[in-house]
C-alpha atoms as a PDB file:
ATOM      1  CA  MET A   1       8.191  41.276  72.082  1.00  0.00           C
ATOM      2  CA  TYR A   2       9.114  37.673  71.811  1.00  0.00           C
ATOM      3  CA  ASP A   3       6.217  36.402  73.714  1.00  0.00           C
ATOM      4  CA  ASN A   4       3.670  38.948  72.212  1.00  0.00           C
ATOM      5  CA  PRO A   5       0.383  36.932  71.837  1.00  0.00           C
ATOM      6  CA  GLU A   6      -0.756  39.293  68.914  1.00  0.00           C
ATOM      7  CA  ILE A   7       2.018  38.043  66.611  1.00  0.00           C
ATOM      8  CA  LEU A   8       1.335  34.983  64.660  1.00  0.00           C
ATOM      9  CA  TRP A   9       4.677  33.688  64.473  1.00  0.00           C
ATOM     10  CA  PRO A  10       4.672  31.029  61.699  1.00  0.00           C
ATOM     11  CA  LYS A  11       3.139  33.442  59.233  1.00  0.00           C
ATOM     12  CA  THR A  12       5.197  36.357  60.280  1.00  0.00           C
ATOM     13  CA  LYS A  13       8.543  34.275  59.923  1.00  0.00           C
ATOM     14  CA  HIS A  14       7.125  32.825  56.547  1.00  0.00           C
ATOM     15  CA  ASN A  15       6.460  36.512  55.337  1.00  0.00           C
ATOM     16  CA  VAL A  16      10.013  37.475  56.294  1.00  0.00           C
ATOM     17  CA  LEU A  17      11.728  34.553  54.531  1.00  0.00           C
ATOM     18  CA  VAL A  18       9.792  34.951  51.363  1.00  0.00           C
ATOM     19  CA  ALA A  19      11.169  38.691  51.517  1.00  0.00           C
ATOM     20  CA  LEU A  20      14.508  37.740  51.858  1.00  0.00           C
ATOM     21  CA  LYS A  21      14.438  34.742  49.352  1.00  0.00           C
ATOM     22  CA  VAL A  22      12.784  37.399  46.577  1.00  0.00           C
ATOM     23  CA  TYR A  23      15.589  39.822  47.698  1.00  0.00           C
ATOM     24  CA  ASN A  24      18.438  37.102  47.324  1.00  0.00           C
ATOM     25  CA  TYR A  25      16.865  36.168  43.742  1.00  0.00           C
ATOM     26  CA  TYR A  26      16.621  39.703  42.729  1.00  0.00           C
ATOM     27  CA  PHE A  27      20.069  40.661  43.887  1.00  0.00           C
ATOM     28  CA  LEU A  28      21.518  37.620  42.274  1.00  0.00           C
ATOM     29  CA  SER A  29      19.855  38.479  39.032  1.00  0.00           C
ATOM     30  CA  LEU A  30      22.000  42.080  38.926  1.00  0.00           C
ATOM     31  CA  ILE A  31      24.167  42.114  36.196  1.00  0.00           C
ATOM     32  CA  ASN A  32      26.524  44.326  38.377  1.00  0.00           C
ATOM     33  CA  GLU A  33      26.853  44.037  41.925  1.00  0.00           C
ATOM     34  CA  SER A  34      26.645  47.790  42.244  1.00  0.00           C
ATOM     35  CA  GLY A  35      29.412  48.026  44.839  1.00  0.00           C
ATOM     36  CA  LEU A  36      27.834  46.229  47.500  1.00  0.00           C
ATOM     37  CA  LYS A  37      29.469  46.651  50.761  1.00  0.00           C
ATOM     38  CA  ILE A  38      28.864  45.078  54.174  1.00  0.00           C
ATOM     39  CA  SER A  39      30.305  46.961  56.947  1.00  0.00           C
ATOM     40  CA  GLU A  40      31.733  45.417  60.153  1.00  0.00           C
ATOM     41  CA  ASP A  41      28.429  46.289  62.027  1.00  0.00           C
ATOM     42  CA  TYR A  42      26.516  44.478  59.198  1.00  0.00           C
ATOM     43  CA  ARG A  43      25.344  47.525  57.479  1.00  0.00           C
ATOM     44  CA  ILE A  44      24.526  47.003  53.859  1.00  0.00           C
ATOM     45  CA  GLU A  45      25.577  49.703  51.717  1.00  0.00           C
ATOM     46  CA  VAL A  46      24.859  49.644  48.054  1.00  0.00           C
ATOM     47  CA  ASN A  47      24.675  52.252  45.051  1.00  0.00           C
ATOM     48  CA  VAL A  48      21.067  51.512  43.816  1.00  0.00           C
ATOM     49  CA  ASN A  49      21.748  54.006  40.928  1.00  0.00           C
ATOM     50  CA  GLN A  50      23.959  51.298  39.169  1.00  0.00           C
ATOM     51  CA  PHE A  51      21.576  48.421  39.294  1.00  0.00           C
ATOM     52  CA  ARG A  52      20.916  46.805  35.982  1.00  0.00           C
ATOM     53  CA  PHE A  53      19.102  43.514  35.204  1.00  0.00           C
ATOM     54  CA  SER A  54      19.514  41.583  32.157  1.00  0.00           C
ATOM     55  CA  ASN A  55      16.467  41.316  29.724  1.00  0.00           C
ATOM     56  CA  LYS A  56      14.086  43.276  32.101  1.00  0.00           C
ATOM     57  CA  THR A  57      11.597  45.923  31.114  1.00  0.00           C
ATOM     58  CA  LYS A  58      11.884  49.211  32.996  1.00  0.00           C
ATOM     59  CA  LYS A  59       8.814  48.483  35.005  1.00  0.00           C
ATOM     60  CA  GLU A  60      10.014  44.994  36.144  1.00  0.00           C
ATOM     61  CA  GLU A  61      13.638  46.662  36.804  1.00  0.00           C
ATOM     62  CA  ASN A  62      12.073  49.212  38.869  1.00  0.00           C
ATOM     63  CA  LYS A  63      10.123  46.692  40.775  1.00  0.00           C
ATOM     64  CA  ARG A  64      13.009  44.692  41.612  1.00  0.00           C
ATOM     65  CA  ILE A  65      15.047  47.784  42.790  1.00  0.00           C
ATOM     66  CA  GLU A  66      12.198  48.909  44.905  1.00  0.00           C
ATOM     67  CA  ILE A  67      12.147  45.533  46.718  1.00  0.00           C
ATOM     68  CA  ILE A  68      15.917  45.250  47.238  1.00  0.00           C
ATOM     69  CA  LYS A  69      15.908  48.938  48.609  1.00  0.00           C
ATOM     70  CA  GLN A  70      13.059  48.192  51.151  1.00  0.00           C
ATOM     71  CA  VAL A  71      15.016  45.037  52.417  1.00  0.00           C
ATOM     72  CA  ILE A  72      18.229  46.815  52.687  1.00  0.00           C
ATOM     73  CA  THR A  73      16.553  49.759  54.538  1.00  0.00           C
ATOM     74  CA  SER A  74      14.607  47.574  56.864  1.00  0.00           C
ATOM     75  CA  PHE A  75      17.519  45.440  57.355  1.00  0.00           C
ATOM     76  CA  ASN A  76      19.511  48.576  58.061  1.00  0.00           C
ATOM     77  CA  LYS A  77      17.168  49.704  60.872  1.00  0.00           C
ATOM     78  CA  LEU A  78      17.937  46.666  63.163  1.00  0.00           C
ATOM     79  CA  ASN A  79      20.500  46.583  66.022  1.00  0.00           C
ATOM     80  CA  ASN A  80      24.166  45.022  65.227  1.00  0.00           C
ATOM     81  CA  ILE A  81      23.265  41.710  66.803  1.00  0.00           C
ATOM     82  CA  ASP A  82      19.941  41.309  64.768  1.00  0.00           C
ATOM     83  CA  LYS A  83      21.779  42.327  61.688  1.00  0.00           C
ATOM     84  CA  GLU A  84      24.561  39.810  62.199  1.00  0.00           C
ATOM     85  CA  ILE A  85      22.098  36.922  62.807  1.00  0.00           C
ATOM     86  CA  ILE A  86      19.856  37.771  59.838  1.00  0.00           C
ATOM     87  CA  TYR A  87      22.901  38.263  57.513  1.00  0.00           C
ATOM     88  CA  ARG A  88      24.789  35.452  58.619  1.00  0.00           C
ATOM     89  CA  THR A  89      21.820  33.087  58.444  1.00  0.00           C
ATOM     90  CA  TYR A  90      19.827  34.257  55.429  1.00  0.00           C
ATOM     91  CA  LEU A  91      22.004  36.802  53.305  1.00  0.00           C
ATOM     92  CA  SER A  92      25.732  35.658  53.175  1.00  0.00           C
ATOM     93  CA  LYS A  93      26.663  33.547  50.311  1.00  0.00           C
ATOM     94  CA  ILE A  94      28.214  31.269  52.829  1.00  0.00           C
ATOM     95  CA  LYS A  95      25.823  29.373  54.854  1.00  0.00           C
ATOM     96  CA  VAL A  96      26.838  28.928  58.497  1.00  0.00           C
ATOM     97  CA  ASN A  97      25.073  26.522  61.082  1.00  0.00           C
ATOM     98  CA  ASP A  98      23.174  28.172  63.924  1.00  0.00           C
ATOM     99  CA  ASP A  99      25.358  26.456  66.387  1.00  0.00           C
ATOM    100  CA  VAL A 100      28.568  28.277  64.852  1.00  0.00           C
ATOM    101  CA  ILE A 101      26.762  31.515  64.789  1.00  0.00           C
ATOM    102  CA  ALA A 102      25.624  31.075  68.464  1.00  0.00           C
ATOM    103  CA  ASN A 103      29.133  30.147  69.408  1.00  0.00           C
ATOM    104  CA  ASP A 104      30.695  33.083  67.648  1.00  0.00           C
ATOM    105  CA  LEU A 105      28.400  35.599  69.267  1.00  0.00           C
ATOM    106  CA  GLY A 106      29.071  33.768  72.727  1.00  0.00           C
ATOM    107  CA  PHE A 107      25.601  32.829  73.127  1.00  0.00           C
ATOM    108  CA  SER A 108      24.090  29.463  74.328  1.00  0.00           C
ATOM    109  CA  VAL A 109      22.064  27.871  71.402  1.00  0.00           C
ATOM    110  CA  LYS A 110      18.876  28.179  73.648  1.00  0.00           C
ATOM    111  CA  TYR A 111      19.393  31.950  73.964  1.00  0.00           C
ATOM    112  CA  TYR A 112      20.492  32.188  70.451  1.00  0.00           C
ATOM    113  CA  TYR A 113      17.310  30.744  68.951  1.00  0.00           C
ATOM    114  CA  LYS A 114      15.332  33.426  71.350  1.00  0.00           C
ATOM    115  CA  ILE A 115      17.040  36.391  69.973  1.00  0.00           C
ATOM    116  CA  LYS A 116      17.051  34.945  66.452  1.00  0.00           C
ATOM    117  CA  LYS A 117      13.143  34.727  66.769  1.00  0.00           C
ATOM    118  CA  GLU A 118      13.140  38.404  68.147  1.00  0.00           C
ATOM    119  CA  ALA A 119      15.493  39.576  65.163  1.00  0.00           C
ATOM    120  CA  ILE A 120      13.021  37.912  62.651  1.00  0.00           C
ATOM    121  CA  ILE A 121      10.235  39.847  64.330  1.00  0.00           C
ATOM    122  CA  ARG A 122      11.801  42.948  64.305  1.00  0.00           C
ATOM    123  CA  LEU A 123      12.612  42.524  60.583  1.00  0.00           C
ATOM    124  CA  ALA A 124       9.098  41.610  60.123  1.00  0.00           C
ATOM    125  CA  PHE A 125       7.884  45.001  61.381  1.00  0.00           C
ATOM    126  CA  ALA A 126      10.546  47.011  59.680  1.00  0.00           C
ATOM    127  CA  LEU A 127       9.427  45.428  56.391  1.00  0.00           C
ATOM    128  CA  GLY A 128       5.790  45.748  57.180  1.00  0.00           C
ATOM    129  CA  VAL A 129       5.115  41.972  56.592  1.00  0.00           C
ATOM    130  CA  GLU A 130       4.085  41.205  60.316  1.00  0.00           C
ATOM    131  CA  VAL A 131       0.840  39.197  60.850  1.00  0.00           C
ATOM    132  CA  LEU A 132      -1.122  39.856  63.742  1.00  0.00           C
ATOM    133  CA  LYS A 133      -4.027  38.264  65.152  1.00  0.00           C
ATOM    134  CA  GLU A 134      -6.435  40.855  64.122  1.00  0.00           C
ATOM    135  CA  ASP A 135      -5.002  40.919  60.611  1.00  0.00           C
ATOM    136  CA  ASN A 136      -5.666  37.166  60.535  1.00  0.00           C
ATOM    137  CA  ASN A 137      -9.274  37.434  61.616  1.00  0.00           C
ATOM    138  CA  GLU A 138     -10.023  39.921  58.761  1.00  0.00           C
ATOM    139  CA  ASN A 139      -8.758  37.317  56.165  1.00  0.00           C
ATOM    140  CA  ASP A 140     -10.912  34.320  57.660  1.00  0.00           C
END
């Protein structure tokens, strides 16, 4: 999957990062963190029935809940290494340098960047935000 010529890497990565940024903003805007739990295998567990946002219409609140649920569901489909990389790089409140994550996982930095790219691509497919060459030609 890493060298798949059908995937437009910059646009796919951009779409994943936008989805994760929106997730982080929406999750931060929750009044109550709804019992968020991150298991040892980086599985996100949360009770979405307790979500409440301040000063939001029911329609806006439902939209935010659906986005949060979509990201959590997609994230939880990944394998443990992918989840750890995505979580520690993009979702954790504590930001850690890629070199530190690579070292913690026992990987060389070069290999870490390869599997990080694969993790982002897998998350893109899980989220449904991947950009393929034929998709790009339709929009040109």
